Amino acid sequence: MENNPGLPSTTLTGTPQVPPGPAQQNRGPIILAGLIGLIVIAALVAGIVLLAGASLDTTARVRDIFIIFMALEFLVIGIALIVLMVQLATLINLLQNEVKPILESTTNTVNTLRGTAEFLSDNLVEPVIKLNEYVAALRRVLDFFHLIRH
C-alpha cells in the first residue's frame, strides 16, 4: 500500500495516523504555562485561607505589603503608558513626514504613467491598428479579384 504525502497513513488496526501539525507540536509550553498558572492560583487560595485564620497584626502587615506592591505596579503601568504615548507620537510623526510624501510621489508617478500610456495609445497604437485595417481590407479586395496568391 502506497502512502500519499497529502493523505494520513493508517496503522495495522486501520485507524488513520494524522501527522502532528503546528498546533500539536507547540503544546509543551502551553501545558507548562497552564501548570504554573494552576500552582500560582493554588498558592493564592492557600495564602488567603491561612490569612483568614491568622491574627489581625499579621493580616495588617500582609495588607500593607500588598498595598505597596500595588503602588509599584501602578508606577510600572504609568511608565509603560508614557513609553506607549511617546512611541505613538513617533509613529504619527513618521506617517505624516515620511510616508505621506512617498504616497504623493507615487500618485504623481502613476498619473504620469497614465498620461504616457494614453499618449502612446493615441499616437502609436491607433495608427498601427488603422494601418492593419487598411492592409486587411486591401488584401480582401485583392483576394476577391484573384490578384494575390496564397
C-alpha atoms as a PDB file:
ATOM      1  CA  MET A   1       0.000   0.000   0.000  1.00  0.00           C
ATOM      2  CA  GLU A   2       1.437   3.373  -1.027  1.00  0.00           C
ATOM      3  CA  ASN A   3       1.433   6.393   1.232  1.00  0.00           C
ATOM      4  CA  ASN A   4       0.339   9.599  -0.436  1.00  0.00           C
ATOM      5  CA  PRO A   5       2.012  12.678   1.043  1.00  0.00           C
ATOM      6  CA  GLY A   6      -1.311  14.522   1.338  1.00  0.00           C
ATOM      7  CA  LEU A   7      -3.272  11.692   2.977  1.00  0.00           C
ATOM      8  CA  PRO A   8      -2.918  10.364   6.534  1.00  0.00           C
ATOM      9  CA  SER A   9      -1.336   6.926   6.828  1.00  0.00           C
ATOM     10  CA  THR A  10      -3.120   4.034   8.523  1.00  0.00           C
ATOM     11  CA  THR A  11      -1.888   1.559  11.139  1.00  0.00           C
ATOM     12  CA  LEU A  12      -2.481  -2.200  11.167  1.00  0.00           C
ATOM     13  CA  THR A  13      -5.751  -1.648  13.043  1.00  0.00           C
ATOM     14  CA  GLY A  14      -6.995   0.633  10.281  1.00  0.00           C
ATOM     15  CA  THR A  15      -7.069   3.835  12.318  1.00  0.00           C
ATOM     16  CA  PRO A  16      -5.607   6.821  10.494  1.00  0.00           C
ATOM     17  CA  GLN A  17      -2.471   8.431  11.892  1.00  0.00           C
ATOM     18  CA  VAL A  18      -2.542  12.158  11.296  1.00  0.00           C
ATOM     19  CA  PRO A  19       0.920  13.768  11.291  1.00  0.00           C
ATOM     20  CA  PRO A  20       1.304  16.362  14.034  1.00  0.00           C
ATOM     21  CA  GLY A  21       0.539  19.865  12.830  1.00  0.00           C
ATOM     22  CA  PRO A  22       1.992  23.128  14.127  1.00  0.00           C
ATOM     23  CA  ALA A  23      -0.724  23.422  16.797  1.00  0.00           C
ATOM     24  CA  GLN A  24       0.034  19.927  18.129  1.00  0.00           C
ATOM     25  CA  GLN A  25       3.816  20.448  18.142  1.00  0.00           C
ATOM     26  CA  ASN A  26       3.688  23.548  20.371  1.00  0.00           C
ATOM     27  CA  ARG A  27       1.582  22.081  23.179  1.00  0.00           C
ATOM     28  CA  GLY A  28       4.510  21.629  25.590  1.00  0.00           C
ATOM     29  CA  PRO A  29       4.963  25.321  26.506  1.00  0.00           C
ATOM     30  CA  ILE A  30       1.188  25.807  26.728  1.00  0.00           C
ATOM     31  CA  ILE A  31       0.803  22.884  29.138  1.00  0.00           C
ATOM     32  CA  LEU A  32       3.761  24.148  31.204  1.00  0.00           C
ATOM     33  CA  ALA A  33       2.249  27.644  31.418  1.00  0.00           C
ATOM     34  CA  GLY A  34      -1.104  26.151  32.442  1.00  0.00           C
ATOM     35  CA  LEU A  35       0.514  24.105  35.214  1.00  0.00           C
ATOM     36  CA  ILE A  36       2.412  27.141  36.512  1.00  0.00           C
ATOM     37  CA  GLY A  37      -0.842  29.136  36.465  1.00  0.00           C
ATOM     38  CA  LEU A  38      -2.642  26.434  38.447  1.00  0.00           C
ATOM     39  CA  ILE A  39       0.199  26.342  41.026  1.00  0.00           C
ATOM     40  CA  VAL A  40       0.054  30.140  41.436  1.00  0.00           C
ATOM     41  CA  ILE A  41      -3.744  30.067  41.871  1.00  0.00           C
ATOM     42  CA  ALA A  42      -3.459  27.227  44.416  1.00  0.00           C
ATOM     43  CA  ALA A  43      -0.794  29.196  46.331  1.00  0.00           C
ATOM     44  CA  LEU A  44      -3.026  32.290  46.390  1.00  0.00           C
ATOM     45  CA  VAL A  45      -6.004  30.297  47.662  1.00  0.00           C
ATOM     46  CA  ALA A  46      -3.829  28.657  50.341  1.00  0.00           C
ATOM     47  CA  GLY A  47      -2.476  32.067  51.376  1.00  0.00           C
ATOM     48  CA  ILE A  48      -5.972  33.523  51.666  1.00  0.00           C
ATOM     49  CA  VAL A  49      -7.106  30.569  53.789  1.00  0.00           C
ATOM     50  CA  LEU A  50      -4.063  30.936  56.071  1.00  0.00           C
ATOM     51  CA  LEU A  51      -4.594  34.702  56.381  1.00  0.00           C
ATOM     52  CA  ALA A  52      -8.244  34.194  57.255  1.00  0.00           C
ATOM     53  CA  GLY A  53      -7.200  32.261  60.337  1.00  0.00           C
ATOM     54  CA  ALA A  54      -4.193  34.469  61.231  1.00  0.00           C
ATOM     55  CA  SER A  55      -4.072  37.267  63.777  1.00  0.00           C
ATOM     56  CA  LEU A  56      -5.058  40.845  62.967  1.00  0.00           C
ATOM     57  CA  ASP A  57      -1.434  42.009  63.221  1.00  0.00           C
ATOM     58  CA  THR A  58      -0.271  39.513  60.564  1.00  0.00           C
ATOM     59  CA  THR A  59      -3.207  40.352  58.311  1.00  0.00           C
ATOM     60  CA  ALA A  60      -2.448  44.089  58.608  1.00  0.00           C
ATOM     61  CA  ARG A  61       1.204  43.525  57.647  1.00  0.00           C
ATOM     62  CA  VAL A  62       0.246  41.448  54.618  1.00  0.00           C
ATOM     63  CA  ARG A  63      -2.302  44.108  53.635  1.00  0.00           C
ATOM     64  CA  ASP A  64       0.358  46.843  53.877  1.00  0.00           C
ATOM     65  CA  ILE A  65       2.827  44.822  51.771  1.00  0.00           C
ATOM     66  CA  PHE A  66       0.093  44.170  49.212  1.00  0.00           C
ATOM     67  CA  ILE A  67      -0.716  47.903  49.024  1.00  0.00           C
ATOM     68  CA  ILE A  68       2.979  48.673  48.451  1.00  0.00           C
ATOM     69  CA  PHE A  69       3.152  46.093  45.649  1.00  0.00           C
ATOM     70  CA  MET A  70       0.003  47.585  44.067  1.00  0.00           C
ATOM     71  CA  ALA A  71       1.566  51.076  44.172  1.00  0.00           C
ATOM     72  CA  LEU A  72       4.709  49.755  42.474  1.00  0.00           C
ATOM     73  CA  GLU A  73       2.580  48.035  39.872  1.00  0.00           C
ATOM     74  CA  PHE A  74       0.710  51.278  39.122  1.00  0.00           C
ATOM     75  CA  LEU A  75       4.061  53.038  38.800  1.00  0.00           C
ATOM     76  CA  VAL A  76       5.267  50.467  36.251  1.00  0.00           C
ATOM     77  CA  ILE A  77       1.977  50.702  34.342  1.00  0.00           C
ATOM     78  CA  GLY A  78       2.253  54.513  34.290  1.00  0.00           C
ATOM     79  CA  ILE A  79       5.792  54.346  32.893  1.00  0.00           C
ATOM     80  CA  ALA A  80       4.639  51.829  30.266  1.00  0.00           C
ATOM     81  CA  LEU A  81       1.798  54.170  29.241  1.00  0.00           C
ATOM     82  CA  ILE A  82       4.216  57.082  28.896  1.00  0.00           C
ATOM     83  CA  VAL A  83       6.519  54.977  26.701  1.00  0.00           C
ATOM     84  CA  LEU A  84       3.495  53.901  24.648  1.00  0.00           C
ATOM     85  CA  MET A  85       2.410  57.514  24.109  1.00  0.00           C
ATOM     86  CA  VAL A  86       5.940  58.509  23.019  1.00  0.00           C
ATOM     87  CA  GLN A  87       6.024  55.591  20.558  1.00  0.00           C
ATOM     88  CA  LEU A  88       2.597  56.569  19.232  1.00  0.00           C
ATOM     89  CA  ALA A  89       3.750  60.167  18.732  1.00  0.00           C
ATOM     90  CA  THR A  90       6.831  58.893  16.879  1.00  0.00           C
ATOM     91  CA  LEU A  91       4.635  56.720  14.639  1.00  0.00           C
ATOM     92  CA  ILE A  92       2.310  59.631  13.833  1.00  0.00           C
ATOM     93  CA  ASN A  93       5.316  61.817  13.014  1.00  0.00           C
ATOM     94  CA  LEU A  94       6.707  59.098  10.739  1.00  0.00           C
ATOM     95  CA  LEU A  95       3.398  58.732   8.919  1.00  0.00           C
ATOM     96  CA  GLN A  96       2.982  62.475   8.386  1.00  0.00           C
ATOM     97  CA  ASN A  97       6.536  63.382   7.410  1.00  0.00           C
ATOM     98  CA  GLU A  98       7.820  60.310   5.568  1.00  0.00           C
ATOM     99  CA  VAL A  99       5.023  58.058   4.360  1.00  0.00           C
ATOM    100  CA  LYS A 100       2.713  60.840   3.122  1.00  0.00           C
ATOM    101  CA  PRO A 101       5.349  62.369   0.755  1.00  0.00           C
ATOM    102  CA  ILE A 102       6.146  58.888  -0.580  1.00  0.00           C
ATOM    103  CA  LEU A 103       2.453  58.297  -1.305  1.00  0.00           C
ATOM    104  CA  GLU A 104       2.157  61.689  -3.031  1.00  0.00           C
ATOM    105  CA  SER A 105       5.228  60.936  -5.153  1.00  0.00           C
ATOM    106  CA  THR A 106       3.805  57.542  -6.077  1.00  0.00           C
ATOM    107  CA  THR A 107       0.495  59.155  -7.053  1.00  0.00           C
ATOM    108  CA  ASN A 108       2.321  61.641  -9.292  1.00  0.00           C
ATOM    109  CA  THR A 109       4.285  58.806 -10.906  1.00  0.00           C
ATOM    110  CA  VAL A 110       1.123  56.806 -11.577  1.00  0.00           C
ATOM    111  CA  ASN A 111      -0.559  59.864 -13.119  1.00  0.00           C
ATOM    112  CA  THR A 112       2.485  60.430 -15.348  1.00  0.00           C
ATOM    113  CA  LEU A 113       2.417  56.782 -16.441  1.00  0.00           C
ATOM    114  CA  ARG A 114      -1.297  57.048 -17.164  1.00  0.00           C
ATOM    115  CA  GLY A 115      -0.672  60.106 -19.351  1.00  0.00           C
ATOM    116  CA  THR A 116       2.182  58.347 -21.154  1.00  0.00           C
ATOM    117  CA  ALA A 117       0.010  55.293 -21.804  1.00  0.00           C
ATOM    118  CA  GLU A 118      -2.795  57.468 -23.197  1.00  0.00           C
ATOM    119  CA  PHE A 119      -0.309  59.359 -25.403  1.00  0.00           C
ATOM    120  CA  LEU A 120       1.148  56.121 -26.774  1.00  0.00           C
ATOM    121  CA  SER A 121      -2.322  54.720 -27.336  1.00  0.00           C
ATOM    122  CA  ASP A 122      -3.464  57.804 -29.240  1.00  0.00           C
ATOM    123  CA  ASN A 123      -0.300  58.427 -31.285  1.00  0.00           C
ATOM    124  CA  LEU A 124       1.195  54.955 -31.830  1.00  0.00           C
ATOM    125  CA  VAL A 125      -1.236  52.123 -31.274  1.00  0.00           C
ATOM    126  CA  GLU A 126      -4.305  53.596 -33.006  1.00  0.00           C
ATOM    127  CA  PRO A 127      -2.437  54.466 -36.247  1.00  0.00           C
ATOM    128  CA  VAL A 128      -0.904  50.968 -36.371  1.00  0.00           C
ATOM    129  CA  ILE A 129      -4.336  49.381 -35.870  1.00  0.00           C
ATOM    130  CA  LYS A 130      -5.831  51.591 -38.599  1.00  0.00           C
ATOM    131  CA  LEU A 131      -2.972  50.643 -40.953  1.00  0.00           C
ATOM    132  CA  ASN A 132      -3.625  46.953 -40.239  1.00  0.00           C
ATOM    133  CA  GLU A 133      -7.316  47.507 -41.007  1.00  0.00           C
ATOM    134  CA  TYR A 134      -6.485  49.125 -44.354  1.00  0.00           C
ATOM    135  CA  VAL A 135      -3.979  46.381 -45.251  1.00  0.00           C
ATOM    136  CA  ALA A 136      -6.531  43.690 -44.365  1.00  0.00           C
ATOM    137  CA  ALA A 137      -9.205  45.432 -46.459  1.00  0.00           C
ATOM    138  CA  LEU A 138      -6.798  45.791 -49.417  1.00  0.00           C
ATOM    139  CA  ARG A 139      -5.819  42.112 -49.099  1.00  0.00           C
ATOM    140  CA  ARG A 140      -9.507  41.062 -49.140  1.00  0.00           C
ATOM    141  CA  VAL A 141     -10.134  43.194 -52.233  1.00  0.00           C
ATOM    142  CA  LEU A 142      -7.105  41.737 -53.989  1.00  0.00           C
ATOM    143  CA  ASP A 143      -8.133  38.237 -52.899  1.00  0.00           C
ATOM    144  CA  PHE A 144     -11.647  38.868 -54.211  1.00  0.00           C
ATOM    145  CA  PHE A 145     -10.287  39.728 -57.672  1.00  0.00           C
ATOM    146  CA  HIS A 146      -7.804  36.826 -57.516  1.00  0.00           C
ATOM    147  CA  LEU A 147      -4.827  39.117 -57.856  1.00  0.00           C
ATOM    148  CA  ILE A 148      -2.981  37.627 -54.906  1.00  0.00           C
ATOM    149  CA  ARG A 149      -1.967  34.018 -54.393  1.00  0.00           C
ATOM    150  CA  HIS A 150      -1.651  32.269 -51.035  1.00  0.00           C
END
